[in-house]
Amino acid sequence: MTPWHMGNLHPVEQVLTIVLAFGPFLLLGAVILVRRRQDAREDAADRDAVAHEADRAGDDSRER
């Protein structure tokens, strides 16, 4: 018994197939990109806060 070919896909079906095939990977890539940017901003803010605290500690020791 040979399987029958159902014919070409309708253009809407082609688009849906492509979206379902590649969409999750594109979404995952976007989520990773956004999270890395957020993490980089948080790390930069933490470094700035530590540097600011170190500057304040240095200023306090000079006043004494």
Protein backbone atom coordinates (compact mmCIF):
# COMPACT_ATOMS: atom_id res chain seq x y z
CA MET A 1 0.00 0.00 0.00
CA THR A 2 1.43 3.37 -0.97
CA PRO A 3 0.55 6.56 0.88
CA TRP A 4 -1.34 9.08 -1.21
CA HIS A 5 -0.08 12.59 -1.65
CA MET A 6 -2.68 15.13 -0.60
CA GLY A 7 -1.42 17.86 -2.96
CA ASN A 8 0.40 21.11 -2.43
CA LEU A 9 -0.15 23.10 0.74
CA HIS A 10 -2.25 26.24 0.59
CA PRO A 11 -0.12 29.41 1.12
CA VAL A 12 -1.71 29.94 4.54
CA GLU A 13 -0.79 26.38 5.48
CA GLN A 14 2.78 26.96 4.30
CA VAL A 15 3.10 30.05 6.47
CA LEU A 16 1.60 28.25 9.45
CA THR A 17 4.02 25.35 9.00
CA ILE A 18 7.01 27.70 8.88
CA VAL A 19 5.82 29.64 11.94
CA LEU A 20 5.29 26.44 13.90
CA ALA A 21 8.68 25.09 12.84
CA PHE A 22 10.82 28.16 13.51
CA GLY A 23 8.68 30.34 15.80
CA PRO A 24 9.64 28.70 19.11
CA PHE A 25 13.34 29.07 18.33
CA LEU A 26 12.93 32.72 17.39
CA LEU A 27 10.93 33.37 20.56
CA LEU A 28 13.54 31.63 22.69
CA GLY A 29 16.30 33.69 21.07
CA ALA A 30 14.39 36.90 21.77
CA VAL A 31 13.84 35.94 25.42
CA ILE A 32 17.53 35.11 25.88
CA LEU A 33 18.54 38.42 24.27
CA VAL A 34 16.22 40.46 26.50
CA ARG A 35 17.31 38.64 29.68
CA ARG A 36 21.01 39.09 28.87
CA ARG A 37 20.47 42.81 28.36
CA GLN A 38 18.61 43.05 31.69
CA ASP A 39 21.35 41.10 33.47
CA ALA A 40 24.03 43.34 31.93
CA ARG A 41 22.18 46.47 33.12
CA GLU A 42 21.82 45.03 36.62
CA ASP A 43 25.52 44.09 36.74
CA ALA A 44 26.50 47.59 35.60
CA ALA A 45 24.24 49.12 38.25
CA ASP A 46 25.77 46.87 40.91
CA ARG A 47 29.30 47.85 39.85
CA ASP A 48 28.36 51.53 39.92
CA ALA A 49 26.84 51.15 43.39
CA VAL A 50 29.95 49.39 44.70
CA ALA A 51 32.20 52.05 43.16
CA HIS A 52 30.02 54.80 44.62
CA GLU A 53 30.17 53.19 48.07
CA ALA A 54 33.95 52.86 47.78
CA ASP A 55 34.21 56.55 46.86
CA ARG A 56 32.03 57.51 49.83
CA ALA A 57 34.13 55.36 52.16
CA GLY A 58 37.27 57.05 50.85
CA ASP A 59 35.73 60.50 51.36
CA ASP A 60 34.72 59.61 54.92
CA SER A 61 38.25 58.53 55.84
CA ARG A 62 39.70 61.78 54.48
CA GLU A 63 37.39 63.89 56.64
CA ARG A 64 38.72 62.39 59.85
